[in-house]
Amino acid sequence: MYIPYNTLPNNSRIWIYQSNREFTKKEVEYISIKAQDFINQWTRHGDRLKGSFTIKYNHFLALAVDESFTTISGCSIDSSVRFVKELENELNLDLMNKMNVTFKDENRIYSVKLINFQQLVKQGRVTPETIVFNNMVSSKSDFESNWEIPAKDSWHKRFLV
């Protein structure tokens, strides 16, 4: 069952999908409708899940589940992955590619292939202080406090000069 994102407990489990490009306004509206519909029918072995989603910077879709209501299972996670893959196909997006890196420069969001990120580091355009997105966070509280972090504090640090 869908609930507003801001009402989810901080320990809710979260999955972040980054797009290789910015969503258009129409795509944000479409994703929002589809995500709410998906969450309203999302179950674990027949038991309803209480979940939500948020879209950040028109580049990221985050799905979340309140596991204090019902814990999630592998099959439930698989169904969310199928949902995201359907969005990819319908909107010609790349949301599942872990070889894409997204970072913030000034107040603009950039999404590049990992090899291009490494080149930007060598050119000095990405520094240890560049804000990157740590899509490995797994809870709502981590998403809100440890998702946007300097490259030097993330897994991206291995590419820094």
Protein backbone atom coordinates (compact mmCIF):
# COMPACT_ATOMS: atom_id res chain seq x y z
CA MET A 1 0.00 0.00 0.00
CA TYR A 2 1.31 3.40 -0.97
CA ILE A 3 1.97 6.00 1.72
CA PRO A 4 3.59 9.43 1.32
CA TYR A 5 7.39 9.23 1.40
CA ASN A 6 7.74 11.69 4.29
CA THR A 7 5.62 9.42 6.52
CA LEU A 8 7.91 6.40 6.14
CA PRO A 9 9.98 5.57 9.24
CA ASN A 10 13.69 6.38 8.99
CA ASN A 11 14.63 2.70 9.13
CA SER A 12 12.63 1.90 5.99
CA ARG A 13 14.60 -0.05 3.42
CA ILE A 14 15.43 1.82 0.21
CA TRP A 15 16.65 1.08 -3.30
CA ILE A 16 17.97 3.86 -5.53
CA TYR A 17 17.93 3.78 -9.30
CA GLN A 18 19.84 6.47 -11.17
CA SER A 19 19.01 7.46 -14.69
CA ASN A 20 21.57 8.03 -17.39
CA ARG A 21 19.72 11.22 -18.23
CA GLU A 22 17.36 13.73 -16.66
CA PHE A 23 13.67 12.81 -16.63
CA THR A 24 11.38 15.14 -18.52
CA LYS A 25 8.43 16.69 -16.69
CA LYS A 26 6.07 14.26 -18.45
CA GLU A 27 8.30 11.33 -17.49
CA VAL A 28 8.28 12.43 -13.83
CA GLU A 29 4.49 12.50 -13.92
CA TYR A 30 4.36 9.10 -15.64
CA ILE A 31 6.89 7.51 -13.26
CA SER A 32 4.98 8.90 -10.27
CA ILE A 33 1.69 7.38 -11.43
CA LYS A 34 3.30 4.05 -12.30
CA ALA A 35 5.27 3.90 -9.03
CA GLN A 36 2.20 4.59 -6.93
CA ASP A 37 0.25 1.93 -8.85
CA PHE A 38 3.09 -0.57 -8.41
CA ILE A 39 3.42 0.11 -4.67
CA ASN A 40 -0.34 -0.24 -4.19
CA GLN A 41 -0.17 -3.81 -5.50
CA TRP A 42 3.30 -4.72 -4.08
CA THR A 43 3.11 -7.79 -1.85
CA ARG A 44 5.21 -10.33 0.01
CA HIS A 45 3.68 -13.80 -0.30
CA GLY A 46 0.22 -12.23 -0.49
CA ASP A 47 0.76 -9.76 2.35
CA ARG A 48 0.66 -6.12 1.36
CA LEU A 49 3.80 -4.05 1.71
CA LYS A 50 3.71 -0.48 2.98
CA GLY A 51 5.95 1.55 0.72
CA SER A 52 6.63 4.74 -1.09
CA PHE A 53 8.92 6.38 -3.60
CA THR A 54 10.60 9.67 -4.25
CA ILE A 55 12.17 11.22 -7.32
CA LYS A 56 15.26 13.35 -6.70
CA TYR A 57 16.79 15.86 -9.09
CA ASN A 58 14.78 14.35 -11.96
CA HIS A 59 17.57 11.76 -12.14
CA PHE A 60 16.86 9.29 -9.35
CA LEU A 61 13.98 7.02 -8.46
CA ALA A 62 14.03 5.67 -4.91
CA LEU A 63 11.65 2.91 -3.83
CA ALA A 64 11.20 2.29 -0.11
CA VAL A 65 9.46 -0.22 2.14
CA ASP A 66 8.48 0.05 5.80
CA GLU A 67 9.70 -3.33 7.02
CA SER A 68 8.24 -2.75 10.48
CA PHE A 69 4.86 -3.31 8.77
CA THR A 70 5.85 -6.33 6.64
CA THR A 71 9.36 -7.54 5.83
CA ILE A 72 10.26 -7.78 2.19
CA SER A 73 11.25 -11.01 0.46
CA GLY A 74 13.42 -11.91 -2.52
CA CYS A 75 10.32 -12.33 -4.68
CA SER A 76 9.11 -8.86 -3.68
CA ILE A 77 12.47 -7.35 -4.55
CA ASP A 78 12.42 -9.20 -7.87
CA SER A 79 9.00 -7.70 -8.65
CA SER A 80 10.36 -4.19 -7.97
CA VAL A 81 13.28 -4.87 -10.32
CA ARG A 82 10.82 -5.99 -13.01
CA PHE A 83 8.88 -2.76 -12.44
CA VAL A 84 12.05 -0.67 -12.89
CA LYS A 85 12.99 -2.62 -16.04
CA GLU A 86 9.53 -1.93 -17.44
CA LEU A 87 10.08 1.79 -16.84
CA GLU A 88 13.42 1.54 -18.61
CA ASN A 89 11.79 -0.06 -21.66
CA GLU A 90 8.77 2.23 -21.74
CA LEU A 91 10.76 5.47 -21.37
CA ASN A 92 14.03 4.47 -23.03
CA LEU A 93 15.99 4.99 -19.80
CA ASP A 94 19.01 3.30 -18.28
CA LEU A 95 18.19 2.91 -14.57
CA MET A 96 19.98 -0.33 -13.71
CA ASN A 97 23.47 0.26 -15.10
CA LYS A 98 25.92 0.28 -12.19
CA MET A 99 28.67 1.46 -14.54
CA ASN A 100 27.13 4.93 -14.67
CA VAL A 101 28.28 7.51 -12.13
CA THR A 102 26.28 10.57 -11.17
CA PHE A 103 27.75 13.62 -9.51
CA LYS A 104 26.93 17.24 -8.78
CA ASP A 105 28.98 20.16 -10.09
CA GLU A 106 27.78 23.55 -8.91
CA ASN A 107 24.05 22.79 -8.82
CA ARG A 108 23.96 20.70 -11.96
CA ILE A 109 23.70 16.91 -12.05
CA TYR A 110 25.91 14.93 -14.43
CA SER A 111 25.60 11.28 -15.31
CA VAL A 112 28.58 9.69 -17.04
CA LYS A 113 30.00 6.27 -17.71
CA LEU A 114 32.57 5.15 -15.16
CA ILE A 115 35.42 5.45 -17.66
CA ASN A 116 34.45 9.07 -18.36
CA PHE A 117 34.29 9.74 -14.60
CA GLN A 118 37.86 8.49 -14.30
CA GLN A 119 38.91 10.82 -17.14
CA LEU A 120 37.21 13.77 -15.42
CA VAL A 121 39.20 12.98 -12.28
CA LYS A 122 42.46 12.98 -14.28
CA GLN A 123 41.48 16.31 -15.85
CA GLY A 124 40.81 17.79 -12.40
CA ARG A 125 37.14 18.41 -13.15
CA VAL A 126 36.16 15.92 -10.43
CA THR A 127 37.96 16.45 -7.12
CA PRO A 128 37.83 14.82 -3.67
CA GLU A 129 35.24 17.47 -2.73
CA THR A 130 32.95 16.83 -5.70
CA ILE A 131 29.55 15.67 -4.47
CA VAL A 132 28.71 12.16 -5.64
CA PHE A 133 25.64 10.05 -5.01
CA ASN A 134 26.13 6.97 -2.86
CA ASN A 135 23.40 4.74 -4.25
CA MET A 136 24.57 1.92 -1.95
CA VAL A 137 22.68 3.36 1.03
CA SER A 138 19.98 1.00 2.24
CA SER A 139 17.77 2.95 4.65
CA LYS A 140 15.73 6.12 4.44
CA SER A 141 17.85 7.78 7.13
CA ASP A 142 21.08 6.96 5.24
CA PHE A 143 19.49 8.17 2.04
CA GLU A 144 18.70 11.50 3.65
CA SER A 145 22.04 11.96 5.41
CA ASN A 146 24.70 9.92 3.55
CA TRP A 147 23.54 9.81 -0.05
CA GLU A 148 25.07 13.08 -1.27
CA ILE A 149 28.66 13.00 -0.08
CA PRO A 150 32.11 14.18 -1.15
CA ALA A 151 33.86 11.72 -3.48
CA LYS A 152 36.65 11.30 -0.91
CA ASP A 153 34.11 9.76 1.51
CA SER A 154 32.53 7.33 -0.95
CA TRP A 155 33.44 4.27 -2.95
CA HIS A 156 34.39 6.73 -5.74
CA LYS A 157 37.56 7.61 -3.80
CA ARG A 158 39.43 4.73 -5.44
CA PHE A 159 39.44 6.79 -8.67
CA LEU A 160 40.78 9.99 -7.14
CA VAL A 161 44.31 11.11 -7.89
